C-alpha atoms as a PDB file:
ATOM      1  CA  MET A   1      91.787 114.691  85.430  1.00  0.00           C
ATOM      2  CA  ALA A   2      93.946 113.440  82.559  1.00  0.00           C
ATOM      3  CA  ASN A   3      97.764 112.347  83.031  1.00  0.00           C
ATOM      4  CA  MET A   4      99.404 114.474  80.568  1.00  0.00           C
ATOM      5  CA  GLY A   5     102.372 116.832  80.384  1.00  0.00           C
ATOM      6  CA  GLU A   6     105.580 116.776  81.472  1.00  0.00           C
ATOM      7  CA  HIS A   7     106.666 114.455  84.604  1.00  0.00           C
ATOM      8  CA  PHE A   8     109.350 115.367  86.921  1.00  0.00           C
ATOM      9  CA  SER A   9     110.742 113.149  89.817  1.00  0.00           C
ATOM     10  CA  CYS A  10     110.820 114.867  92.825  1.00  0.00           C
ATOM     11  CA  LEU A  11     111.137 114.421  96.595  1.00  0.00           C
ATOM     12  CA  ASP A  12     109.042 116.419  99.504  1.00  0.00           C
ATOM     13  CA  VAL A  13     107.154 115.570 102.423  1.00  0.00           C
ATOM     14  CA  ILE A  14     103.377 117.013 102.601  1.00  0.00           C
ATOM     15  CA  PRO A  15     100.516 117.025 104.671  1.00  0.00           C
ATOM     16  CA  ILE A  16      97.170 115.034 103.531  1.00  0.00           C
ATOM     17  CA  ARG A  17      94.115 114.171 104.912  1.00  0.00           C
ATOM     18  CA  TRP A  18      91.265 112.228 103.638  1.00  0.00           C
ATOM     19  CA  ARG A  19      87.904 110.469 105.558  1.00  0.00           C
ATOM     20  CA  SER A  20      86.952 106.890 104.549  1.00  0.00           C
ATOM     21  CA  GLY A  21      83.489 106.486 104.817  1.00  0.00           C
ATOM     22  CA  SER A  22      81.838 107.447 107.962  1.00  0.00           C
ATOM     23  CA  GLY A  23      84.846 106.813 110.024  1.00  0.00           C
ATOM     24  CA  PRO A  24      87.345 109.396 111.539  1.00  0.00           C
ATOM     25  CA  GLU A  25      89.353 112.078 109.517  1.00  0.00           C
ATOM     26  CA  ARG A  26      92.743 110.653 108.735  1.00  0.00           C
ATOM     27  CA  ARG A  27      95.990 113.170 108.694  1.00  0.00           C
ATOM     28  CA  VAL A  28      99.232 111.752 107.808  1.00  0.00           C
ATOM     29  CA  CYS A  29     102.734 113.176 105.614  1.00  0.00           C
ATOM     30  CA  ALA A  30     102.850 111.804 102.800  1.00  0.00           C
ATOM     31  CA  THR A  31     106.182 111.726 100.450  1.00  0.00           C
ATOM     32  CA  LEU A  32     105.900 112.901  96.975  1.00  0.00           C
ATOM     33  CA  LEU A  33     107.884 111.110  94.510  1.00  0.00           C
ATOM     34  CA  GLU A  34     106.667 112.630  91.173  1.00  0.00           C
ATOM     35  CA  VAL A  35     104.731 115.443  90.110  1.00  0.00           C
ATOM     36  CA  TRP A  36     102.980 116.598  86.974  1.00  0.00           C
ATOM     37  CA  SER A  37     100.448 119.481  86.164  1.00  0.00           C
ATOM     38  CA  SER A  38      97.363 117.481  86.832  1.00  0.00           C
ATOM     39  CA  GLY A  39      98.864 115.183  89.598  1.00  0.00           C
ATOM     40  CA  GLY A  40     101.342 113.000  90.930  1.00  0.00           C
ATOM     41  CA  VAL A  41     102.387 110.225  92.843  1.00  0.00           C
ATOM     42  CA  LEU A  42     102.802 109.936  96.899  1.00  0.00           C
ATOM     43  CA  GLN A  43     104.204 107.035  99.357  1.00  0.00           C
ATOM     44  CA  ILE A  44     102.157 106.710 102.233  1.00  0.00           C
ATOM     45  CA  ASP A  45     102.084 103.765 104.911  1.00  0.00           C
ATOM     46  CA  GLU A  46      98.198 103.334 104.529  1.00  0.00           C
ATOM     47  CA  PRO A  47      96.040 102.577 101.475  1.00  0.00           C
ATOM     48  CA  ILE A  48      93.361 105.198 100.281  1.00  0.00           C
ATOM     49  CA  ALA A  49      91.072 103.523  98.035  1.00  0.00           C
ATOM     50  CA  LYS A  50      90.784 104.191  94.302  1.00  0.00           C
ATOM     51  CA  GLY A  51      88.572 107.088  93.647  1.00  0.00           C
ATOM     52  CA  GLU A  52      88.397 108.189  97.090  1.00  0.00           C
ATOM     53  CA  THR A  53      89.364 112.305  97.531  1.00  0.00           C
ATOM     54  CA  PHE A  54      91.811 113.397  99.981  1.00  0.00           C
ATOM     55  CA  VAL A  55      92.872 117.232 100.622  1.00  0.00           C
ATOM     56  CA  ILE A  56      96.701 117.935 100.097  1.00  0.00           C
ATOM     57  CA  ALA A  57      97.841 120.923 102.050  1.00  0.00           C
ATOM     58  CA  VAL A  58     100.672 123.036 100.578  1.00  0.00           C
ATOM     59  CA  GLN A  59     102.072 126.217 100.931  1.00  0.00           C
ATOM     60  CA  GLY A  60      98.632 127.739 102.458  1.00  0.00           C
ATOM     61  CA  VAL A  61      96.470 126.009  99.779  1.00  0.00           C
ATOM     62  CA  GLN A  62      94.325 123.297 100.140  1.00  0.00           C
ATOM     63  CA  ILE A  63      93.921 121.120  96.904  1.00  0.00           C
ATOM     64  CA  GLU A  64      91.443 118.224  96.456  1.00  0.00           C
ATOM     65  CA  ALA A  65      92.972 114.948  94.752  1.00  0.00           C
ATOM     66  CA  ARG A  66      91.157 111.756  93.729  1.00  0.00           C
ATOM     67  CA  VAL A  67      93.145 108.340  93.662  1.00  0.00           C
ATOM     68  CA  GLN A  68      93.605 106.722  90.615  1.00  0.00           C
ATOM     69  CA  SER A  69      95.448 103.835  91.516  1.00  0.00           C
ATOM     70  CA  TYR A  70      97.866 102.852  94.028  1.00  0.00           C
ATOM     71  CA  ASP A  71     100.090  99.574  94.413  1.00  0.00           C
ATOM     72  CA  ARG A  72     101.805  98.376  97.505  1.00  0.00           C
ATOM     73  CA  ASP A  73     105.506  97.136  98.347  1.00  0.00           C
ATOM     74  CA  GLU A  74     107.657  96.586 101.459  1.00  0.00           C
ATOM     75  CA  TYR A  75     108.049 100.163 101.604  1.00  0.00           C
ATOM     76  CA  GLY A  76     104.087 101.204 101.951  1.00  0.00           C
ATOM     77  CA  TYR A  77     101.505 102.219  99.350  1.00  0.00           C
ATOM     78  CA  TYR A  78     102.215 104.268  96.100  1.00  0.00           C
ATOM     79  CA  LEU A  79      99.374 106.451  95.251  1.00  0.00           C
ATOM     80  CA  GLN A  80      98.799 107.526  91.297  1.00  0.00           C
ATOM     81  CA  PHE A  81      96.462 110.982  91.999  1.00  0.00           C
ATOM     82  CA  GLY A  82      94.781 113.177  89.597  1.00  0.00           C
ATOM     83  CA  LEU A  83      93.609 116.788  90.240  1.00  0.00           C
ATOM     84  CA  ALA A  84      90.571 118.774  88.445  1.00  0.00           C
ATOM     85  CA  ASP A  85      93.175 121.538  88.039  1.00  0.00           C
ATOM     86  CA  PRO A  86      96.957 122.150  87.085  1.00  0.00           C
ATOM     87  CA  TRP A  87      98.844 122.596  90.889  1.00  0.00           C
ATOM     88  CA  PHE A  88     102.012 122.366  89.662  1.00  0.00           C
ATOM     89  CA  PRO A  89     104.309 124.835  88.965  1.00  0.00           C
ATOM     90  CA  ALA A  90     101.385 127.384  89.185  1.00  0.00           C
ATOM     91  CA  HIS A  91     100.268 126.751  93.090  1.00  0.00           C
ATOM     92  CA  TYR A  92     103.017 124.253  94.239  1.00  0.00           C
ATOM     93  CA  LYS A  93     106.796 123.703  93.468  1.00  0.00           C
ATOM     94  CA  PRO A  94     108.849 120.881  95.267  1.00  0.00           C
ATOM     95  CA  PRO A  95     112.344 121.796  96.608  1.00  0.00           C
ATOM     96  CA  TYR A  96     113.823 118.831  94.833  1.00  0.00           C
ATOM     97  CA  LEU A  97     112.670 118.748  91.482  1.00  0.00           C
ATOM     98  CA  MET A  98     114.584 116.734  88.579  1.00  0.00           C
ATOM     99  CA  LYS A  99     113.443 116.204  85.023  1.00  0.00           C
ATOM    100  CA  THR A 100     114.834 113.301  84.080  1.00  0.00           C
ATOM    101  CA  LYS A 101     115.922 113.425  80.142  1.00  0.00           C
ATOM    102  CA  LYS A 102     116.916 109.450  80.153  1.00  0.00           C
ATOM    103  CA  LEU A 103     113.663 108.311  81.402  1.00  0.00           C
ATOM    104  CA  ARG A 104     110.414 109.231  79.461  1.00  0.00           C
ATOM    105  CA  ALA A 105     107.625 110.886  81.367  1.00  0.00           C
ATOM    106  CA  GLY A 106     105.781 109.086  84.308  1.00  0.00           C
ATOM    107  CA  ALA A 107     108.803 106.536  84.585  1.00  0.00           C
ATOM    108  CA  VAL A 108     108.250 106.677  88.576  1.00  0.00           C
ATOM    109  CA  ALA A 109     104.536 105.945  88.252  1.00  0.00           C
ATOM    110  CA  ARG A 110     104.957 103.310  85.390  1.00  0.00           C
ATOM    111  CA  ARG A 111     107.739 101.466  87.362  1.00  0.00           C
ATOM    112  CA  ILE A 112     105.463 101.528  90.350  1.00  0.00           C
ATOM    113  CA  PHE A 113     102.235 100.451  88.911  1.00  0.00           C
ATOM    114  CA  ALA A 114     103.878  98.184  86.292  1.00  0.00           C
ATOM    115  CA  ARG A 115     102.579  94.394  86.736  1.00  0.00           C
ATOM    116  CA  PRO A 116     104.642  91.556  86.262  1.00  0.00           C
ATOM    117  CA  ALA A 117     103.740  89.483  83.107  1.00  0.00           C
END
């Protein structure tokens, strides 16, 4: 699950679901903030542990993703996730999508996951 390819800022609300351990299945709507062919960045209100899998439901397709890292701020949790197979743009394209020329690829994720020195 490489973090390769062009990254795009985007905005969409997508349903996800996961199960932590033997607990009940969790279902929430997540805000997709950045997308690339093999992953993206979601904002949600509760954490999903690094390495855990979750399912994204978009346009009638169920896509399994794995949390690569997460961080928290006053707005919630930001999950960077990866996929085994490309999903964007073949299987999914957010309605609001912007390729930013001024920022390098992955700028949103790097800002979110950057640790102060």
